[in-house]
Amino acid sequence: MSRSILVPGATGNVGWELVHILHRENHPVRAAALGAADAEQLPHPDIPWVRFDFGDLDTYATAFAGVDRLFLMRPPALSDVNRYMRPVVDYAAGADVRHIVFLSLLGAEKNSFVP
């Protein structure tokens, strides 16, 4: 049984494109967004989404249910890696996530052009 790929930040520039590509290629994807208003921005209305907030541990269990892969990118607004990113990685490890892809672009919020 194929489990899902969790994509936090699915309504951002990178996340939106990734979710779109995964969906188009028929990969089981779960888009993570802060709420229903954000989820309305997803590229396809039939993409399953879940509420996820890096700073709210109560959103982790539902977000990671049935997930075995994680695309992880540090949101530009979250600079405290130990406070926001480490708990996600730790939770993923305990939730049997077997593969994490991490994308980082330090200082992206200060660049006029992000490749």
PDB file of N, CA and C in Angstrom:
ATOM      1  N   MET A   1       0.847  -1.183   0.000  1.00  0.00           N
ATOM      2  CA  MET A   1       0.000   0.000   0.000  1.00  0.00           C
ATOM      3  C   MET A   1       0.890   1.243   0.000  1.00  0.00           C
ATOM      4  N   SER A   2       0.648   2.109  -0.940  1.00  0.00           N
ATOM      5  CA  SER A   2       1.441   3.326  -1.042  1.00  0.00           C
ATOM      6  C   SER A   2       0.933   4.368  -0.058  1.00  0.00           C
ATOM      7  N   ARG A   3       1.872   4.958   0.654  1.00  0.00           N
ATOM      8  CA  ARG A   3       1.516   6.003   1.597  1.00  0.00           C
ATOM      9  C   ARG A   3       1.853   7.350   0.975  1.00  0.00           C
ATOM     10  N   SER A   4       1.468   8.416   1.619  1.00  0.00           N
ATOM     11  CA  SER A   4       1.575   9.759   1.039  1.00  0.00           C
ATOM     12  C   SER A   4       2.902  10.449   1.291  1.00  0.00           C
ATOM     13  N   ILE A   5       3.121  11.459   0.477  1.00  0.00           N
ATOM     14  CA  ILE A   5       4.230  12.393   0.634  1.00  0.00           C
ATOM     15  C   ILE A   5       3.637  13.650   1.247  1.00  0.00           C
ATOM     16  N   LEU A   6       4.121  14.044   2.408  1.00  0.00           N
ATOM     17  CA  LEU A   6       3.636  15.259   3.065  1.00  0.00           C
ATOM     18  C   LEU A   6       4.450  16.446   2.571  1.00  0.00           C
ATOM     19  N   VAL A   7       3.749  17.493   2.136  1.00  0.00           N
ATOM     20  CA  VAL A   7       4.410  18.700   1.633  1.00  0.00           C
ATOM     21  C   VAL A   7       3.923  19.898   2.438  1.00  0.00           C
ATOM     22  N   PRO A   8       4.622  20.234   3.540  1.00  0.00           N
ATOM     23  CA  PRO A   8       4.299  21.469   4.248  1.00  0.00           C
ATOM     24  C   PRO A   8       4.614  22.669   3.359  1.00  0.00           C
ATOM     25  N   GLY A   9       3.873  23.735   3.557  1.00  0.00           N
ATOM     26  CA  GLY A   9       4.099  24.921   2.739  1.00  0.00           C
ATOM     27  C   GLY A   9       3.603  24.729   1.320  1.00  0.00           C
ATOM     28  N   ALA A  10       2.579  23.918   1.154  1.00  0.00           N
ATOM     29  CA  ALA A  10       2.099  23.555  -0.176  1.00  0.00           C
ATOM     30  C   ALA A  10       1.522  24.728  -0.956  1.00  0.00           C
ATOM     31  N   THR A  11       1.253  25.836  -0.291  1.00  0.00           N
ATOM     32  CA  THR A  11       0.711  26.989  -1.003  1.00  0.00           C
ATOM     33  C   THR A  11       1.778  28.033  -1.311  1.00  0.00           C
ATOM     34  N   GLY A  12       3.020  27.756  -0.940  1.00  0.00           N
ATOM     35  CA  GLY A  12       4.127  28.654  -1.268  1.00  0.00           C
ATOM     36  C   GLY A  12       4.638  28.377  -2.674  1.00  0.00           C
ATOM     37  N   ASN A  13       5.609  29.143  -3.107  1.00  0.00           N
ATOM     38  CA  ASN A  13       6.135  29.007  -4.474  1.00  0.00           C
ATOM     39  C   ASN A  13       6.653  27.607  -4.760  1.00  0.00           C
ATOM     40  N   VAL A  14       7.528  27.104  -3.923  1.00  0.00           N
ATOM     41  CA  VAL A  14       8.132  25.786  -4.141  1.00  0.00           C
ATOM     42  C   VAL A  14       7.114  24.679  -3.870  1.00  0.00           C
ATOM     43  N   GLY A  15       6.422  24.769  -2.744  1.00  0.00           N
ATOM     44  CA  GLY A  15       5.460  23.741  -2.379  1.00  0.00           C
ATOM     45  C   GLY A  15       4.341  23.588  -3.394  1.00  0.00           C
ATOM     46  N   TRP A  16       3.830  24.706  -3.901  1.00  0.00           N
ATOM     47  CA  TRP A  16       2.752  24.675  -4.886  1.00  0.00           C
ATOM     48  C   TRP A  16       3.187  23.919  -6.135  1.00  0.00           C
ATOM     49  N   GLU A  17       4.382  24.245  -6.630  1.00  0.00           N
ATOM     50  CA  GLU A  17       4.893  23.558  -7.828  1.00  0.00           C
ATOM     51  C   GLU A  17       5.106  22.070  -7.570  1.00  0.00           C
ATOM     52  N   LEU A  18       5.666  21.748  -6.411  1.00  0.00           N
ATOM     53  CA  LEU A  18       5.913  20.345  -6.086  1.00  0.00           C
ATOM     54  C   LEU A  18       4.610  19.563  -5.997  1.00  0.00           C
ATOM     55  N   VAL A  19       3.625  20.102  -5.300  1.00  0.00           N
ATOM     56  CA  VAL A  19       2.332  19.442  -5.172  1.00  0.00           C
ATOM     57  C   VAL A  19       1.696  19.258  -6.553  1.00  0.00           C
ATOM     58  N   HIS A  20       1.785  20.279  -7.381  1.00  0.00           N
ATOM     59  CA  HIS A  20       1.244  20.209  -8.736  1.00  0.00           C
ATOM     60  C   HIS A  20       1.905  19.067  -9.525  1.00  0.00           C
ATOM     61  N   ILE A  21       3.214  18.999  -9.492  1.00  0.00           N
ATOM     62  CA  ILE A  21       3.953  17.959 -10.229  1.00  0.00           C
ATOM     63  C   ILE A  21       3.631  16.568  -9.680  1.00  0.00           C
ATOM     64  N   LEU A  22       3.665  16.411  -8.368  1.00  0.00           N
ATOM     65  CA  LEU A  22       3.377  15.107  -7.772  1.00  0.00           C
ATOM     66  C   LEU A  22       1.964  14.642  -8.117  1.00  0.00           C
ATOM     67  N   HIS A  23       1.020  15.552  -8.052  1.00  0.00           N
ATOM     68  CA  HIS A  23      -0.365  15.224  -8.380  1.00  0.00           C
ATOM     69  C   HIS A  23      -0.489  14.834  -9.855  1.00  0.00           C
ATOM     70  N   ARG A  24       0.131  15.613 -10.722  1.00  0.00           N
ATOM     71  CA  ARG A  24       0.078  15.347 -12.162  1.00  0.00           C
ATOM     72  C   ARG A  24       0.669  13.979 -12.500  1.00  0.00           C
ATOM     73  N   GLU A  25       1.721  13.595 -11.762  1.00  0.00           N
ATOM     74  CA  GLU A  25       2.389  12.308 -11.998  1.00  0.00           C
ATOM     75  C   GLU A  25       1.764  11.163 -11.194  1.00  0.00           C
ATOM     76  N   ASN A  26       0.620  11.430 -10.572  1.00  0.00           N
ATOM     77  CA  ASN A  26      -0.150  10.428  -9.819  1.00  0.00           C
ATOM     78  C   ASN A  26       0.563   9.868  -8.598  1.00  0.00           C
ATOM     79  N   HIS A  27       1.411  10.679  -7.977  1.00  0.00           N
ATOM     80  CA  HIS A  27       2.020  10.275  -6.714  1.00  0.00           C
ATOM     81  C   HIS A  27       1.060  10.634  -5.583  1.00  0.00           C
ATOM     82  N   PRO A  28       0.961   9.796  -4.569  1.00  0.00           N
ATOM     83  CA  PRO A  28       0.071  10.116  -3.448  1.00  0.00           C
ATOM     84  C   PRO A  28       0.658  11.262  -2.626  1.00  0.00           C
ATOM     85  N   VAL A  29       0.044  12.409  -2.708  1.00  0.00           N
ATOM     86  CA  VAL A  29       0.564  13.600  -2.044  1.00  0.00           C
ATOM     87  C   VAL A  29      -0.482  14.143  -1.087  1.00  0.00           C
ATOM     88  N   ARG A  30      -0.001  14.676   0.030  1.00  0.00           N
ATOM     89  CA  ARG A  30      -0.852  15.364   0.992  1.00  0.00           C
ATOM     90  C   ARG A  30      -0.274  16.760   1.180  1.00  0.00           C
ATOM     91  N   ALA A  31      -1.044  17.734   0.804  1.00  0.00           N
ATOM     92  CA  ALA A  31      -0.628  19.121   0.936  1.00  0.00           C
ATOM     93  C   ALA A  31      -0.886  19.591   2.356  1.00  0.00           C
ATOM     94  N   ALA A  32       0.074  20.283   2.932  1.00  0.00           N
ATOM     95  CA  ALA A  32      -0.089  20.830   4.273  1.00  0.00           C
ATOM     96  C   ALA A  32      -0.187  22.345   4.178  1.00  0.00           C
ATOM     97  N   ALA A  33      -1.196  22.882   4.844  1.00  0.00           N
ATOM     98  CA  ALA A  33      -1.435  24.324   4.822  1.00  0.00           C
ATOM     99  C   ALA A  33      -1.869  24.764   6.217  1.00  0.00           C
ATOM    100  N   LEU A  34      -1.826  26.057   6.451  1.00  0.00           N
ATOM    101  CA  LEU A  34      -2.199  26.577   7.765  1.00  0.00           C
ATOM    102  C   LEU A  34      -3.696  26.493   8.026  1.00  0.00           C
ATOM    103  N   GLY A  35      -4.489  26.490   6.974  1.00  0.00           N
ATOM    104  CA  GLY A  35      -5.934  26.408   7.147  1.00  0.00           C
ATOM    105  C   GLY A  35      -6.653  26.320   5.824  1.00  0.00           C
ATOM    106  N   ALA A  36      -7.994  26.275   5.894  1.00  0.00           N
ATOM    107  CA  ALA A  36      -8.818  26.097   4.699  1.00  0.00           C
ATOM    108  C   ALA A  36      -8.632  27.226   3.698  1.00  0.00           C
ATOM    109  N   ALA A  37      -8.486  28.449   4.163  1.00  0.00           N
ATOM    110  CA  ALA A  37      -8.302  29.574   3.241  1.00  0.00           C
ATOM    111  C   ALA A  37      -7.018  29.403   2.437  1.00  0.00           C
ATOM    112  N   ASP A  38      -5.961  28.926   3.087  1.00  0.00           N
ATOM    113  CA  ASP A  38      -4.709  28.668   2.377  1.00  0.00           C
ATOM    114  C   ASP A  38      -4.871  27.499   1.407  1.00  0.00           C
ATOM    115  N   ALA A  39      -5.569  26.466   1.834  1.00  0.00           N
ATOM    116  CA  ALA A  39      -5.734  25.270   1.003  1.00  0.00           C
ATOM    117  C   ALA A  39      -6.499  25.571  -0.280  1.00  0.00           C
ATOM    118  N   GLU A  40      -7.321  26.607  -0.279  1.00  0.00           N
ATOM    119  CA  GLU A  40      -8.048  26.985  -1.495  1.00  0.00           C
ATOM    120  C   GLU A  40      -7.102  27.428  -2.607  1.00  0.00           C
ATOM    121  N   GLN A  41      -5.850  27.736  -2.276  1.00  0.00           N
ATOM    122  CA  GLN A  41      -4.863  28.174  -3.259  1.00  0.00           C
ATOM    123  C   GLN A  41      -4.145  27.001  -3.928  1.00  0.00           C
ATOM    124  N   LEU A  42      -4.447  25.778  -3.533  1.00  0.00           N
ATOM    125  CA  LEU A  42      -3.776  24.614  -4.115  1.00  0.00           C
ATOM    126  C   LEU A  42      -4.095  24.511  -5.603  1.00  0.00           C
ATOM    127  N   PRO A  43      -3.176  23.925  -6.384  1.00  0.00           N
ATOM    128  CA  PRO A  43      -3.361  23.896  -7.837  1.00  0.00           C
ATOM    129  C   PRO A  43      -4.535  23.054  -8.326  1.00  0.00           C
ATOM    130  N   HIS A  44      -5.008  22.111  -7.518  1.00  0.00           N
ATOM    131  CA  HIS A  44      -6.124  21.254  -7.908  1.00  0.00           C
ATOM    132  C   HIS A  44      -7.028  21.063  -6.696  1.00  0.00           C
ATOM    133  N   PRO A  45      -8.329  21.213  -6.858  1.00  0.00           N
ATOM    134  CA  PRO A  45      -9.236  21.081  -5.706  1.00  0.00           C
ATOM    135  C   PRO A  45      -9.308  19.670  -5.132  1.00  0.00           C
ATOM    136  N   ASP A  46      -8.880  18.666  -5.898  1.00  0.00           N
ATOM    137  CA  ASP A  46      -8.974  17.287  -5.403  1.00  0.00           C
ATOM    138  C   ASP A  46      -7.719  16.814  -4.672  1.00  0.00           C
ATOM    139  N   ILE A  47      -6.748  17.678  -4.492  1.00  0.00           N
ATOM    140  CA  ILE A  47      -5.551  17.308  -3.731  1.00  0.00           C
ATOM    141  C   ILE A  47      -5.908  17.299  -2.249  1.00  0.00           C
ATOM    142  N   PRO A  48      -5.689  16.173  -1.567  1.00  0.00           N
ATOM    143  CA  PRO A  48      -5.984  16.144  -0.138  1.00  0.00           C
ATOM    144  C   PRO A  48      -5.038  17.071   0.626  1.00  0.00           C
ATOM    145  N   TRP A  49      -5.597  17.770   1.578  1.00  0.00           N
ATOM    146  CA  TRP A  49      -4.768  18.672   2.365  1.00  0.00           C
ATOM    147  C   TRP A  49      -5.064  18.452   3.845  1.00  0.00           C
ATOM    148  N   VAL A  50      -4.127  18.902   4.646  1.00  0.00           N
ATOM    149  CA  VAL A  50      -4.248  18.777   6.089  1.00  0.00           C
ATOM    150  C   VAL A  50      -3.707  20.055   6.722  1.00  0.00           C
ATOM    151  N   ARG A  51      -4.275  20.415   7.853  1.00  0.00           N
ATOM    152  CA  ARG A  51      -3.762  21.589   8.575  1.00  0.00           C
ATOM    153  C   ARG A  51      -2.445  21.199   9.225  1.00  0.00           C
ATOM    154  N   PHE A  52      -1.428  22.041   9.034  1.00  0.00           N
ATOM    155  CA  PHE A  52      -0.122  21.816   9.658  1.00  0.00           C
ATOM    156  C   PHE A  52       0.511  23.153   9.966  1.00  0.00           C
ATOM    157  N   ASP A  53       1.039  23.252  11.173  1.00  0.00           N
ATOM    158  CA  ASP A  53       1.715  24.465  11.628  1.00  0.00           C
ATOM    159  C   ASP A  53       2.988  24.032  12.352  1.00  0.00           C
ATOM    160  N   PHE A  54       4.138  24.455  11.846  1.00  0.00           N
ATOM    161  CA  PHE A  54       5.412  24.084  12.463  1.00  0.00           C
ATOM    162  C   PHE A  54       5.437  24.382  13.954  1.00  0.00           C
ATOM    163  N   GLY A  55       4.780  25.441  14.379  1.00  0.00           N
ATOM    164  CA  GLY A  55       4.816  25.849  15.777  1.00  0.00           C
ATOM    165  C   GLY A  55       3.726  25.252  16.638  1.00  0.00           C
ATOM    166  N   ASP A  56       2.877  24.403  16.074  1.00  0.00           N
ATOM    167  CA  ASP A  56       1.757  23.829  16.820  1.00  0.00           C
ATOM    168  C   ASP A  56       1.844  22.303  16.782  1.00  0.00           C
ATOM    169  N   LEU A  57       2.407  21.731  17.818  1.00  0.00           N
ATOM    170  CA  LEU A  57       2.592  20.271  17.884  1.00  0.00           C
ATOM    171  C   LEU A  57       1.280  19.504  17.765  1.00  0.00           C
ATOM    172  N   ASP A  58       0.163  20.139  18.114  1.00  0.00           N
ATOM    173  CA  ASP A  58      -1.129  19.469  18.022  1.00  0.00           C
ATOM    174  C   ASP A  58      -1.527  19.165  16.577  1.00  0.00           C
ATOM    175  N   THR A  59      -0.889  19.791  15.600  1.00  0.00           N
ATOM    176  CA  THR A  59      -1.224  19.534  14.193  1.00  0.00           C
ATOM    177  C   THR A  59      -0.396  18.396  13.603  1.00  0.00           C
ATOM    178  N   TYR A  60       0.602  17.925  14.307  1.00  0.00           N
ATOM    179  CA  TYR A  60       1.529  16.933  13.752  1.00  0.00           C
ATOM    180  C   TYR A  60       0.892  15.566  13.525  1.00  0.00           C
ATOM    181  N   ALA A  61       0.144  15.053  14.490  1.00  0.00           N
ATOM    182  CA  ALA A  61      -0.383  13.683  14.395  1.00  0.00           C
ATOM    183  C   ALA A  61      -1.256  13.503  13.157  1.00  0.00           C
ATOM    184  N   THR A  62      -2.168  14.401  12.924  1.00  0.00           N
ATOM    185  CA  THR A  62      -3.044  14.302  11.758  1.00  0.00           C
ATOM    186  C   THR A  62      -2.245  14.478  10.474  1.00  0.00           C
ATOM    187  N   ALA A  63      -1.322  15.414  10.472  1.00  0.00           N
ATOM    188  CA  ALA A  63      -0.528  15.683   9.267  1.00  0.00           C
ATOM    189  C   ALA A  63       0.304  14.472   8.859  1.00  0.00           C
ATOM    190  N   PHE A  64       0.871  13.766   9.825  1.00  0.00           N
ATOM    191  CA  PHE A  64       1.772  12.650   9.523  1.00  0.00           C
ATOM    192  C   PHE A  64       1.070  11.295   9.424  1.00  0.00           C
ATOM    193  N   ALA A  65      -0.222  11.235   9.687  1.00  0.00           N
ATOM    194  CA  ALA A  65      -0.949   9.964   9.589  1.00  0.00           C
ATOM    195  C   ALA A  65      -0.936   9.474   8.141  1.00  0.00           C
ATOM    196  N   GLY A  66      -0.435   8.272   7.925  1.00  0.00           N
ATOM    197  CA  GLY A  66      -0.400   7.692   6.594  1.00  0.00           C
ATOM    198  C   GLY A  66       0.685   8.246   5.687  1.00  0.00           C
ATOM    199  N   VAL A  67       1.677   8.889   6.271  1.00  0.00           N
ATOM    200  CA  VAL A  67       2.760   9.505   5.505  1.00  0.00           C
ATOM    201  C   VAL A  67       4.041   8.701   5.703  1.00  0.00           C
ATOM    202  N   ASP A  68       4.774   8.458   4.625  1.00  0.00           N
ATOM    203  CA  ASP A  68       6.076   7.808   4.775  1.00  0.00           C
ATOM    204  C   ASP A  68       7.204   8.605   4.127  1.00  0.00           C
ATOM    205  N   ARG A  69       6.859   9.729   3.513  1.00  0.00           N
ATOM    206  CA  ARG A  69       7.865  10.618   2.914  1.00  0.00           C
ATOM    207  C   ARG A  69       7.506  12.061   3.236  1.00  0.00           C
ATOM    208  N   LEU A  70       8.545  12.889   3.366  1.00  0.00           N
ATOM    209  CA  LEU A  70       8.353  14.284   3.756  1.00  0.00           C
ATOM    210  C   LEU A  70       9.246  15.179   2.920  1.00  0.00           C
ATOM    211  N   PHE A  71       8.640  16.205   2.344  1.00  0.00           N
ATOM    212  CA  PHE A  71       9.414  17.271   1.717  1.00  0.00           C
ATOM    213  C   PHE A  71       9.473  18.381   2.750  1.00  0.00           C
ATOM    214  N   LEU A  72      10.665  18.771   3.135  1.00  0.00           N
ATOM    215  CA  LEU A  72      10.832  19.736   4.208  1.00  0.00           C
ATOM    216  C   LEU A  72      11.645  20.920   3.734  1.00  0.00           C
ATOM    217  N   MET A  73      11.064  22.095   3.906  1.00  0.00           N
ATOM    218  CA  MET A  73      11.745  23.333   3.569  1.00  0.00           C
ATOM    219  C   MET A  73      11.497  24.311   4.711  1.00  0.00           C
ATOM    220  N   ARG A  74      12.553  24.980   5.139  1.00  0.00           N
ATOM    221  CA  ARG A  74      12.388  25.943   6.222  1.00  0.00           C
ATOM    222  C   ARG A  74      11.619  27.148   5.715  1.00  0.00           C
ATOM    223  N   PRO A  75      10.457  27.432   6.316  1.00  0.00           N
ATOM    224  CA  PRO A  75       9.744  28.644   5.942  1.00  0.00           C
ATOM    225  C   PRO A  75      10.602  29.868   6.258  1.00  0.00           C
ATOM    226  N   PRO A  76      10.693  30.826   5.354  1.00  0.00           N
ATOM    227  CA  PRO A  76      11.551  31.996   5.580  1.00  0.00           C
ATOM    228  C   PRO A  76      11.268  32.734   6.886  1.00  0.00           C
ATOM    229  N   ALA A  77      10.027  32.697   7.350  1.00  0.00           N
ATOM    230  CA  ALA A  77       9.672  33.417   8.577  1.00  0.00           C
ATOM    231  C   ALA A  77      10.160  32.721   9.841  1.00  0.00           C
ATOM    232  N   LEU A  78      10.591  31.466   9.744  1.00  0.00           N
ATOM    233  CA  LEU A  78      11.024  30.714  10.916  1.00  0.00           C
ATOM    234  C   LEU A  78      12.538  30.606  10.937  1.00  0.00           C
ATOM    235  N   SER A  79      13.157  31.399  11.777  1.00  0.00           N
ATOM    236  CA  SER A  79      14.623  31.394  11.817  1.00  0.00           C
ATOM    237  C   SER A  79      15.183  30.488  12.910  1.00  0.00           C
ATOM    238  N   ASP A  80      14.394  30.150  13.901  1.00  0.00           N
ATOM    239  CA  ASP A  80      14.863  29.318  15.010  1.00  0.00           C
ATOM    240  C   ASP A  80      14.694  27.840  14.652  1.00  0.00           C
ATOM    241  N   VAL A  81      15.730  27.282  14.044  1.00  0.00           N
ATOM    242  CA  VAL A  81      15.684  25.905  13.553  1.00  0.00           C
ATOM    243  C   VAL A  81      15.406  24.917  14.683  1.00  0.00           C
ATOM    244  N   ASN A  82      16.053  25.091  15.819  1.00  0.00           N
ATOM    245  CA  ASN A  82      15.853  24.159  16.932  1.00  0.00           C
ATOM    246  C   ASN A  82      14.423  24.183  17.456  1.00  0.00           C
ATOM    247  N   ARG A  83      13.807  25.330  17.409  1.00  0.00           N
ATOM    248  CA  ARG A  83      12.445  25.455  17.931  1.00  0.00           C
ATOM    249  C   ARG A  83      11.389  24.944  16.947  1.00  0.00           C
ATOM    250  N   TYR A  84      11.602  25.153  15.658  1.00  0.00           N
ATOM    251  CA  TYR A  84      10.571  24.834  14.677  1.00  0.00           C
ATOM    252  C   TYR A  84      10.874  23.643  13.775  1.00  0.00           C
ATOM    253  N   MET A  85      12.114  23.456  13.389  1.00  0.00           N
ATOM    254  CA  MET A  85      12.438  22.396  12.440  1.00  0.00           C
ATOM    255  C   MET A  85      12.774  21.067  13.119  1.00  0.00           C
ATOM    256  N   ARG A  86      13.554  21.137  14.168  1.00  0.00           N
ATOM    257  CA  ARG A  86      13.956  19.899  14.860  1.00  0.00           C
ATOM    258  C   ARG A  86      12.745  19.086  15.327  1.00  0.00           C
ATOM    259  N   PRO A  87      11.710  19.708  15.911  1.00  0.00           N
ATOM    260  CA  PRO A  87      10.553  18.902  16.319  1.00  0.00           C
ATOM    261  C   PRO A  87       9.876  18.182  15.149  1.00  0.00           C
ATOM    262  N   VAL A  88       9.876  18.790  13.980  1.00  0.00           N
ATOM    263  CA  VAL A  88       9.267  18.150  12.805  1.00  0.00           C
ATOM    264  C   VAL A  88      10.075  16.916  12.414  1.00  0.00           C
ATOM    265  N   VAL A  89      11.382  17.042  12.374  1.00  0.00           N
ATOM    266  CA  VAL A  89      12.247  15.919  12.012  1.00  0.00           C
ATOM    267  C   VAL A  89      12.130  14.810  13.055  1.00  0.00           C
ATOM    268  N   ASP A  90      12.149  15.179  14.313  1.00  0.00           N
ATOM    269  CA  ASP A  90      12.008  14.188  15.382  1.00  0.00           C
ATOM    270  C   ASP A  90      10.667  13.464  15.293  1.00  0.00           C
ATOM    271  N   TYR A  91       9.604  14.223  15.056  1.00  0.00           N
ATOM    272  CA  TYR A  91       8.283  13.608  14.944  1.00  0.00           C
ATOM    273  C   TYR A  91       8.236  12.672  13.744  1.00  0.00           C
ATOM    274  N   ALA A  92       8.781  13.122  12.624  1.00  0.00           N
ATOM    275  CA  ALA A  92       8.798  12.304  11.412  1.00  0.00           C
ATOM    276  C   ALA A  92       9.511  10.978  11.662  1.00  0.00           C
ATOM    277  N   ALA A  93      10.636  11.020  12.355  1.00  0.00           N
ATOM    278  CA  ALA A  93      11.386   9.801  12.654  1.00  0.00           C
ATOM    279  C   ALA A  93      10.551   8.845  13.497  1.00  0.00           C
ATOM    280  N   GLY A  94       9.842   9.374  14.464  1.00  0.00           N
ATOM    281  CA  GLY A  94       8.997   8.546  15.315  1.00  0.00           C
ATOM    282  C   GLY A  94       7.728   8.074  14.630  1.00  0.00           C
ATOM    283  N   ALA A  95       7.356   8.733  13.548  1.00  0.00           N
ATOM    284  CA  ALA A  95       6.135   8.384  12.815  1.00  0.00           C
ATOM    285  C   ALA A  95       6.432   7.461  11.632  1.00  0.00           C
ATOM    286  N   ASP A  96       7.630   6.904  11.595  1.00  0.00           N
ATOM    287  CA  ASP A  96       8.030   5.966  10.541  1.00  0.00           C
ATOM    288  C   ASP A  96       8.140   6.591   9.156  1.00  0.00           C
ATOM    289  N   VAL A  97       8.427   7.881   9.106  1.00  0.00           N
ATOM    290  CA  VAL A  97       8.738   8.502   7.820  1.00  0.00           C
ATOM    291  C   VAL A  97      10.096   7.954   7.413  1.00  0.00           C
ATOM    292  N   ARG A  98      10.177   7.373   6.230  1.00  0.00           N
ATOM    293  CA  ARG A  98      11.404   6.696   5.823  1.00  0.00           C
ATOM    294  C   ARG A  98      12.281   7.526   4.895  1.00  0.00           C
ATOM    295  N   HIS A  99      11.758   8.653   4.410  1.00  0.00           N
ATOM    296  CA  HIS A  99      12.536   9.462   3.476  1.00  0.00           C
ATOM    297  C   HIS A  99      12.165  10.924   3.657  1.00  0.00           C
ATOM    298  N   ILE A 100      13.183  11.761   3.873  1.00  0.00           N
ATOM    299  CA  ILE A 100      12.984  13.207   3.988  1.00  0.00           C
ATOM    300  C   ILE A 100      13.848  13.883   2.946  1.00  0.00           C
ATOM    301  N   VAL A 101      13.241  14.760   2.172  1.00  0.00           N
ATOM    302  CA  VAL A 101      13.972  15.619   1.245  1.00  0.00           C
ATOM    303  C   VAL A 101      13.941  17.008   1.859  1.00  0.00           C
ATOM    304  N   PHE A 102      15.114  17.587   2.078  1.00  0.00           N
ATOM    305  CA  PHE A 102      15.210  18.894   2.714  1.00  0.00           C
ATOM    306  C   PHE A 102      15.763  19.914   1.731  1.00  0.00           C
ATOM    307  N   LEU A 103      15.067  21.023   1.612  1.00  0.00           N
ATOM    308  CA  LEU A 103      15.509  22.119   0.758  1.00  0.00           C
ATOM    309  C   LEU A 103      15.723  23.336   1.637  1.00  0.00           C
ATOM    310  N   SER A 104      16.873  23.950   1.497  1.00  0.00           N
ATOM    311  CA  SER A 104      17.171  25.131   2.289  1.00  0.00           C
ATOM    312  C   SER A 104      17.807  26.184   1.412  1.00  0.00           C
ATOM    313  N   LEU A 105      17.395  27.399   1.609  1.00  0.00           N
ATOM    314  CA  LEU A 105      17.982  28.525   0.904  1.00  0.00           C
ATOM    315  C   LEU A 105      18.120  29.657   1.914  1.00  0.00           C
ATOM    316  N   LEU A 106      19.246  29.682   2.587  1.00  0.00           N
ATOM    317  CA  LEU A 106      19.489  30.664   3.631  1.00  0.00           C
ATOM    318  C   LEU A 106      19.495  32.076   3.066  1.00  0.00           C
ATOM    319  N   GLY A 107      18.761  32.952   3.675  1.00  0.00           N
ATOM    320  CA  GLY A 107      18.735  34.354   3.274  1.00  0.00           C
ATOM    321  C   GLY A 107      17.829  34.654   2.096  1.00  0.00           C
ATOM    322  N   ALA A 108      16.959  33.715   1.737  1.00  0.00           N
ATOM    323  CA  ALA A 108      16.091  33.904   0.568  1.00  0.00           C
ATOM    324  C   ALA A 108      15.208  35.142   0.709  1.00  0.00           C
ATOM    325  N   GLU A 109      14.793  35.440   1.919  1.00  0.00           N
ATOM    326  CA  GLU A 109      13.899  36.586   2.108  1.00  0.00           C
ATOM    327  C   GLU A 109      14.595  37.920   1.826  1.00  0.00           C
ATOM    328  N   LYS A 110      15.921  37.919   1.769  1.00  0.00           N
ATOM    329  CA  LYS A 110      16.677  39.149   1.512  1.00  0.00           C
ATOM    330  C   LYS A 110      17.149  39.239   0.060  1.00  0.00           C
ATOM    331  N   ASN A 111      16.951  38.179  -0.721  1.00  0.00           N
ATOM    332  CA  ASN A 111      17.375  38.177  -2.112  1.00  0.00           C
ATOM    333  C   ASN A 111      16.286  38.725  -3.008  1.00  0.00           C
ATOM    334  N   SER A 112      16.659  39.586  -3.956  1.00  0.00           N
ATOM    335  CA  SER A 112      15.661  40.099  -4.894  1.00  0.00           C
ATOM    336  C   SER A 112      15.298  39.028  -5.918  1.00  0.00           C
ATOM    337  N   PHE A 113      16.183  38.060  -6.108  1.00  0.00           N
ATOM    338  CA  PHE A 113      15.923  36.961  -7.035  1.00  0.00           C
ATOM    339  C   PHE A 113      16.287  35.659  -6.342  1.00  0.00           C
ATOM    340  N   VAL A 114      15.332  34.742  -6.326  1.00  0.00           N
ATOM    341  CA  VAL A 114      15.584  33.413  -5.764  1.00  0.00           C
ATOM    342  C   VAL A 114      15.568  32.429  -6.919  1.00  0.00           C
ATOM    343  N   PRO A 115      16.691  31.743  -7.161  1.00  0.00           N
ATOM    344  CA  PRO A 115      16.741  30.822  -8.308  1.00  0.00           C
ATOM    345  C   PRO A 115      15.795  29.649  -8.147  1.00  0.00           C
TER     346      PRO A 115
END
